[in-house]
Amino acid sequence: MVSGAAGDGMSSVHELVVLPDAQAVARRGASVFAAAARTSVSARGKFVVAVSGGRTPLAMFACLAEEDVPWAAVNLWQADERVAPDEDPARNLTQLVAALPRGAAPTVHAMPVGEDDLALAAGRYAAALPATFDLLHLGLGDDGHTASLVPEDPVLDVDDRDVAVTGVYRGLRRMTLTYRAIGRADRLLWLVTGGDKARALSLLLSGDPSIPAGRVRGPGSLVLADAAAAGGLSVQTPR
């Protein structure tokens, strides 16, 4: 366990597992995803999961081809999405669907970023969200962003909505789950790879609110990091 006290008085506790490389992170993430799916389907008949954009979930999805996943009972939601036309390569959804294993057919709940009134669309998506997620995947940017909770964006201070629309970040606006929605997930699964993430990972693990990711709170949080991202962190790596 790695824990830290944030400046807002709230505690943040993460279980950190350090793995040799990015592929090992993807494989372990797929194993966690599949196990959570089986457990949820056995208990409630469905698995409700949200997935962020970025590179790490694509590698994890590719590894899911080797796992036993009850895809017909999987409800896949988006934690964030770039505002771009349907099937645009920039869309997180386009990339995620392409990365799904052959034959996998989850129920996909796409963020409605193609609509003219994005605020109204975000409100409708929020109204349709489940009460909680069984699992919510998050990535970590080198600038400390997660989902599309990005540095200095007004969305970071939104506490009365579950879904919001950001300003322009790296060329595009985004739709994202807010801290309020993320915090209702039963379990958070962070996938963090690459030496450029080392500083951000250290701040995340300490619950440092100076980066957006450091402000995320949830009842359970597993961080899978490769050795490059973990850097010199003093952590025992489970076998």
Protein backbone atom coordinates (compact mmCIF):
# COMPACT_ATOMS: atom_id res chain seq x y z
CA MET A 1 0.00 0.00 0.00
CA VAL A 2 1.06 3.57 -0.62
CA SER A 3 -0.88 6.27 1.17
CA GLY A 4 -0.71 10.02 1.43
CA ALA A 5 -2.57 12.89 2.99
CA ALA A 6 -3.85 15.54 0.63
CA GLY A 7 -4.03 19.20 1.44
CA ASP A 8 -7.84 19.17 1.43
CA GLY A 9 -7.88 16.96 4.51
CA MET A 10 -9.01 13.86 2.67
CA SER A 11 -6.89 10.73 2.62
CA SER A 12 -5.85 8.85 -0.49
CA VAL A 13 -4.77 5.21 -0.42
CA HIS A 14 -3.46 3.31 -3.44
CA GLU A 15 -2.24 -0.23 -3.82
CA LEU A 16 0.81 -0.03 -6.07
CA VAL A 17 2.08 -2.97 -8.10
CA VAL A 18 5.29 -2.41 -10.06
CA LEU A 19 5.77 -4.59 -13.13
CA PRO A 20 8.77 -4.92 -15.46
CA ASP A 21 7.41 -3.20 -18.56
CA ALA A 22 4.35 -1.80 -20.34
CA GLN A 23 3.32 -5.18 -21.74
CA ALA A 24 3.32 -6.69 -18.26
CA VAL A 25 1.13 -3.82 -17.09
CA ALA A 26 -1.31 -4.48 -19.94
CA ARG A 27 -1.45 -8.20 -19.14
CA ARG A 28 -2.02 -7.62 -15.42
CA GLY A 29 -4.64 -4.98 -16.19
CA ALA A 30 -6.46 -7.45 -18.45
CA SER A 31 -6.37 -10.05 -15.69
CA VAL A 32 -7.84 -7.58 -13.18
CA PHE A 33 -10.51 -6.49 -15.68
CA ALA A 34 -11.52 -10.06 -16.49
CA ALA A 35 -11.63 -11.17 -12.85
CA ALA A 36 -13.76 -8.16 -11.90
CA ALA A 37 -16.11 -8.90 -14.79
CA ARG A 38 -16.59 -12.53 -13.77
CA THR A 39 -17.16 -11.60 -10.13
CA SER A 40 -19.71 -8.89 -10.96
CA VAL A 41 -21.60 -11.03 -13.45
CA SER A 42 -21.73 -13.91 -11.00
CA ALA A 43 -23.07 -11.63 -8.27
CA ARG A 44 -25.39 -9.32 -10.22
CA GLY A 45 -25.64 -10.54 -13.77
CA LYS A 46 -23.69 -7.66 -15.30
CA PHE A 47 -20.34 -5.85 -15.21
CA VAL A 48 -20.39 -2.05 -15.30
CA VAL A 49 -17.04 -0.57 -16.28
CA ALA A 50 -15.79 2.83 -17.46
CA VAL A 51 -12.66 3.23 -19.55
CA SER A 52 -10.53 6.33 -20.13
CA GLY A 53 -8.81 7.21 -23.37
CA GLY A 54 -5.10 7.01 -24.05
CA ARG A 55 -2.66 4.26 -24.98
CA THR A 56 -2.76 2.06 -21.90
CA PRO A 57 -6.33 0.76 -22.23
CA LEU A 58 -5.72 -0.21 -25.86
CA ALA A 59 -2.88 -2.54 -24.85
CA MET A 60 -5.02 -3.93 -22.03
CA PHE A 61 -7.93 -4.60 -24.38
CA ALA A 62 -5.64 -6.45 -26.76
CA CYS A 63 -4.58 -8.72 -23.88
CA LEU A 64 -8.21 -9.44 -23.02
CA ALA A 65 -8.26 -11.82 -26.00
CA GLU A 66 -6.42 -14.25 -23.71
CA GLU A 67 -8.86 -13.83 -20.80
CA ASP A 68 -12.25 -15.31 -19.96
CA VAL A 69 -14.58 -12.31 -20.12
CA PRO A 70 -18.42 -12.60 -20.14
CA TRP A 71 -18.68 -9.93 -22.83
CA ALA A 72 -22.43 -10.22 -23.34
CA ALA A 73 -22.93 -8.96 -19.78
CA VAL A 74 -20.38 -6.12 -19.99
CA ASN A 75 -21.66 -2.53 -19.96
CA LEU A 76 -18.83 -0.32 -21.19
CA TRP A 77 -19.01 3.40 -20.43
CA GLN A 78 -16.56 6.14 -21.32
CA ALA A 79 -14.69 8.09 -18.67
CA ASP A 80 -13.83 10.75 -21.24
CA GLU A 81 -13.97 11.50 -24.95
CA ARG A 82 -12.51 13.97 -27.40
CA VAL A 83 -15.00 16.22 -29.20
CA ALA A 84 -14.63 14.95 -32.76
CA PRO A 85 -16.92 13.44 -35.41
CA ASP A 86 -18.11 9.83 -35.20
CA GLU A 87 -15.43 7.31 -36.23
CA ASP A 88 -12.78 10.04 -36.25
CA PRO A 89 -9.39 8.45 -35.41
CA ALA A 90 -9.02 11.02 -32.64
CA ARG A 91 -12.04 9.61 -30.82
CA ASN A 92 -11.27 7.41 -27.83
CA LEU A 93 -14.27 5.24 -28.74
CA THR A 94 -12.98 4.56 -32.26
CA GLN A 95 -9.69 3.31 -30.84
CA LEU A 96 -11.28 1.26 -28.05
CA VAL A 97 -13.73 -0.52 -30.33
CA ALA A 98 -10.91 -1.36 -32.73
CA ALA A 99 -8.90 -2.79 -29.83
CA LEU A 100 -11.66 -5.11 -28.60
CA PRO A 101 -10.90 -8.80 -29.04
CA ARG A 102 -12.52 -10.49 -32.02
CA GLY A 103 -16.08 -11.52 -31.16
CA ALA A 104 -16.34 -9.29 -28.09
CA ALA A 105 -19.67 -7.46 -28.11
CA PRO A 106 -20.18 -5.46 -24.92
CA THR A 107 -22.98 -2.93 -24.59
CA VAL A 108 -21.19 0.34 -25.31
CA HIS A 109 -22.46 3.64 -23.93
CA ALA A 110 -20.78 6.29 -26.07
CA MET A 111 -20.36 9.85 -24.90
CA PRO A 112 -22.48 12.04 -27.23
CA VAL A 113 -19.74 14.42 -28.32
CA GLY A 114 -21.10 14.86 -31.85
CA GLU A 115 -24.06 16.96 -30.77
CA ASP A 116 -24.31 20.72 -31.17
CA ASP A 117 -25.24 21.44 -27.56
CA LEU A 118 -22.46 19.70 -25.66
CA ALA A 119 -23.62 20.86 -22.24
CA LEU A 120 -27.08 19.38 -22.84
CA ALA A 121 -25.53 16.19 -24.19
CA ALA A 122 -23.31 15.90 -21.12
CA GLY A 123 -26.35 16.26 -18.91
CA ARG A 124 -28.14 13.44 -20.71
CA TYR A 125 -25.11 11.17 -20.42
CA ALA A 126 -24.88 11.96 -16.72
CA ALA A 127 -28.56 11.14 -16.23
CA ALA A 128 -28.04 7.71 -17.81
CA LEU A 129 -24.95 6.79 -15.74
CA PRO A 130 -25.22 3.84 -13.38
CA ALA A 131 -25.29 4.53 -9.65
CA THR A 132 -21.75 3.19 -9.48
CA PHE A 133 -19.13 1.43 -11.58
CA ASP A 134 -17.77 -1.98 -10.66
CA LEU A 135 -14.44 -0.88 -12.13
CA LEU A 136 -13.20 2.41 -13.55
CA HIS A 137 -9.96 2.57 -15.53
CA LEU A 138 -7.83 5.69 -15.36
CA GLY A 139 -4.60 6.70 -17.05
CA LEU A 140 -2.08 9.32 -16.01
CA GLY A 141 -0.61 12.03 -18.20
CA ASP A 142 2.87 13.44 -17.82
CA ASP A 143 1.21 16.68 -16.72
CA GLY A 144 -0.81 14.88 -14.06
CA HIS A 145 -4.14 14.77 -15.88
CA THR A 146 -6.45 11.80 -15.71
CA ALA A 147 -9.57 11.08 -17.78
CA SER A 148 -9.98 14.60 -19.21
CA LEU A 149 -9.51 16.34 -15.89
CA VAL A 150 -6.68 18.53 -17.11
CA PRO A 151 -4.53 21.18 -15.43
CA GLU A 152 -6.08 24.60 -14.90
CA ASP A 153 -9.43 23.71 -16.49
CA PRO A 154 -12.58 25.01 -14.73
CA VAL A 155 -13.99 21.46 -14.84
CA LEU A 156 -11.65 20.58 -11.96
CA ASP A 157 -13.89 22.59 -9.65
CA VAL A 158 -17.21 21.17 -10.86
CA ASP A 159 -18.88 19.43 -7.93
CA ASP A 160 -22.55 19.56 -8.91
CA ARG A 161 -22.45 17.39 -12.06
CA ASP A 162 -21.21 13.94 -13.02
CA VAL A 163 -20.23 14.84 -16.59
CA ALA A 164 -18.78 18.11 -17.88
CA VAL A 165 -17.17 19.61 -20.99
CA THR A 166 -13.66 21.04 -20.85
CA GLY A 167 -12.05 23.88 -22.69
CA VAL A 168 -9.55 23.19 -25.47
CA TYR A 169 -6.78 20.83 -24.38
CA ARG A 170 -4.12 19.71 -26.84
CA GLY A 171 -6.22 20.94 -29.73
CA LEU A 172 -9.64 19.54 -28.78
CA ARG A 173 -12.40 20.01 -26.24
CA ARG A 174 -13.28 16.97 -24.15
CA MET A 175 -16.25 15.48 -22.33
CA THR A 176 -15.31 13.86 -19.04
CA LEU A 177 -16.60 12.28 -15.89
CA THR A 178 -16.06 14.62 -12.95
CA TYR A 179 -14.47 13.79 -9.62
CA ARG A 180 -17.94 13.22 -8.18
CA ALA A 181 -18.73 10.43 -10.65
CA ILE A 182 -15.27 8.86 -10.50
CA GLY A 183 -15.41 8.76 -6.71
CA ARG A 184 -18.47 6.50 -6.80
CA ALA A 185 -16.62 3.65 -8.51
CA ASP A 186 -16.21 0.54 -6.39
CA ARG A 187 -12.65 0.18 -7.62
CA LEU A 188 -10.22 2.31 -9.61
CA LEU A 189 -7.66 0.71 -11.91
CA TRP A 190 -4.77 2.96 -12.92
CA LEU A 191 -2.40 1.88 -15.71
CA VAL A 192 0.78 3.97 -15.75
CA THR A 193 3.72 3.36 -18.09
CA GLY A 194 6.82 5.26 -19.21
CA GLY A 195 9.56 7.23 -17.52
CA ASP A 196 7.86 10.51 -18.44
CA LYS A 197 5.14 9.63 -15.90
CA ALA A 198 7.51 9.18 -12.94
CA ARG A 199 6.98 12.60 -11.37
CA ALA A 200 3.22 12.52 -11.90
CA LEU A 201 3.02 9.02 -10.41
CA SER A 202 4.88 10.10 -7.30
CA LEU A 203 2.47 13.01 -6.84
CA LEU A 204 -0.54 10.75 -7.46
CA LEU A 205 0.58 8.27 -4.82
CA SER A 206 1.04 11.05 -2.26
CA GLY A 207 -2.43 12.43 -2.97
CA ASP A 208 -0.93 15.75 -4.04
CA PRO A 209 -3.78 18.04 -5.20
CA SER A 210 -1.39 20.12 -7.32
CA ILE A 211 -2.10 17.70 -10.18
CA PRO A 212 -5.63 16.73 -11.27
CA ALA A 213 -5.00 13.01 -10.68
CA GLY A 214 -3.97 13.71 -7.10
CA ARG A 215 -7.48 14.94 -6.33
CA VAL A 216 -9.19 11.68 -7.30
CA ARG A 217 -10.79 9.86 -4.37
CA GLY A 218 -12.30 6.38 -4.33
CA PRO A 219 -12.92 3.50 -1.93
CA GLY A 220 -10.40 1.22 -3.66
CA SER A 221 -7.52 2.10 -5.95
CA LEU A 222 -5.05 -0.22 -7.68
CA VAL A 223 -2.13 1.34 -9.54
CA LEU A 224 -0.26 -0.86 -12.02
CA ALA A 225 2.98 0.82 -13.08
CA ASP A 226 5.95 -0.30 -15.07
CA ALA A 227 9.47 0.03 -13.69
CA ALA A 228 10.17 3.11 -15.79
CA ALA A 229 7.20 5.01 -14.36
CA ALA A 230 7.87 3.81 -10.82
CA GLY A 231 11.43 5.12 -11.02
CA GLY A 232 13.06 4.99 -7.62
CA LEU A 233 9.89 4.43 -5.62
CA SER A 234 10.54 2.14 -2.70
CA VAL A 235 7.87 -0.50 -3.17
CA GLN A 236 7.88 -4.25 -2.94
CA THR A 237 6.72 -5.85 -6.18
CA PRO A 238 4.34 -8.80 -5.59
CA ARG A 239 5.34 -11.99 -7.36
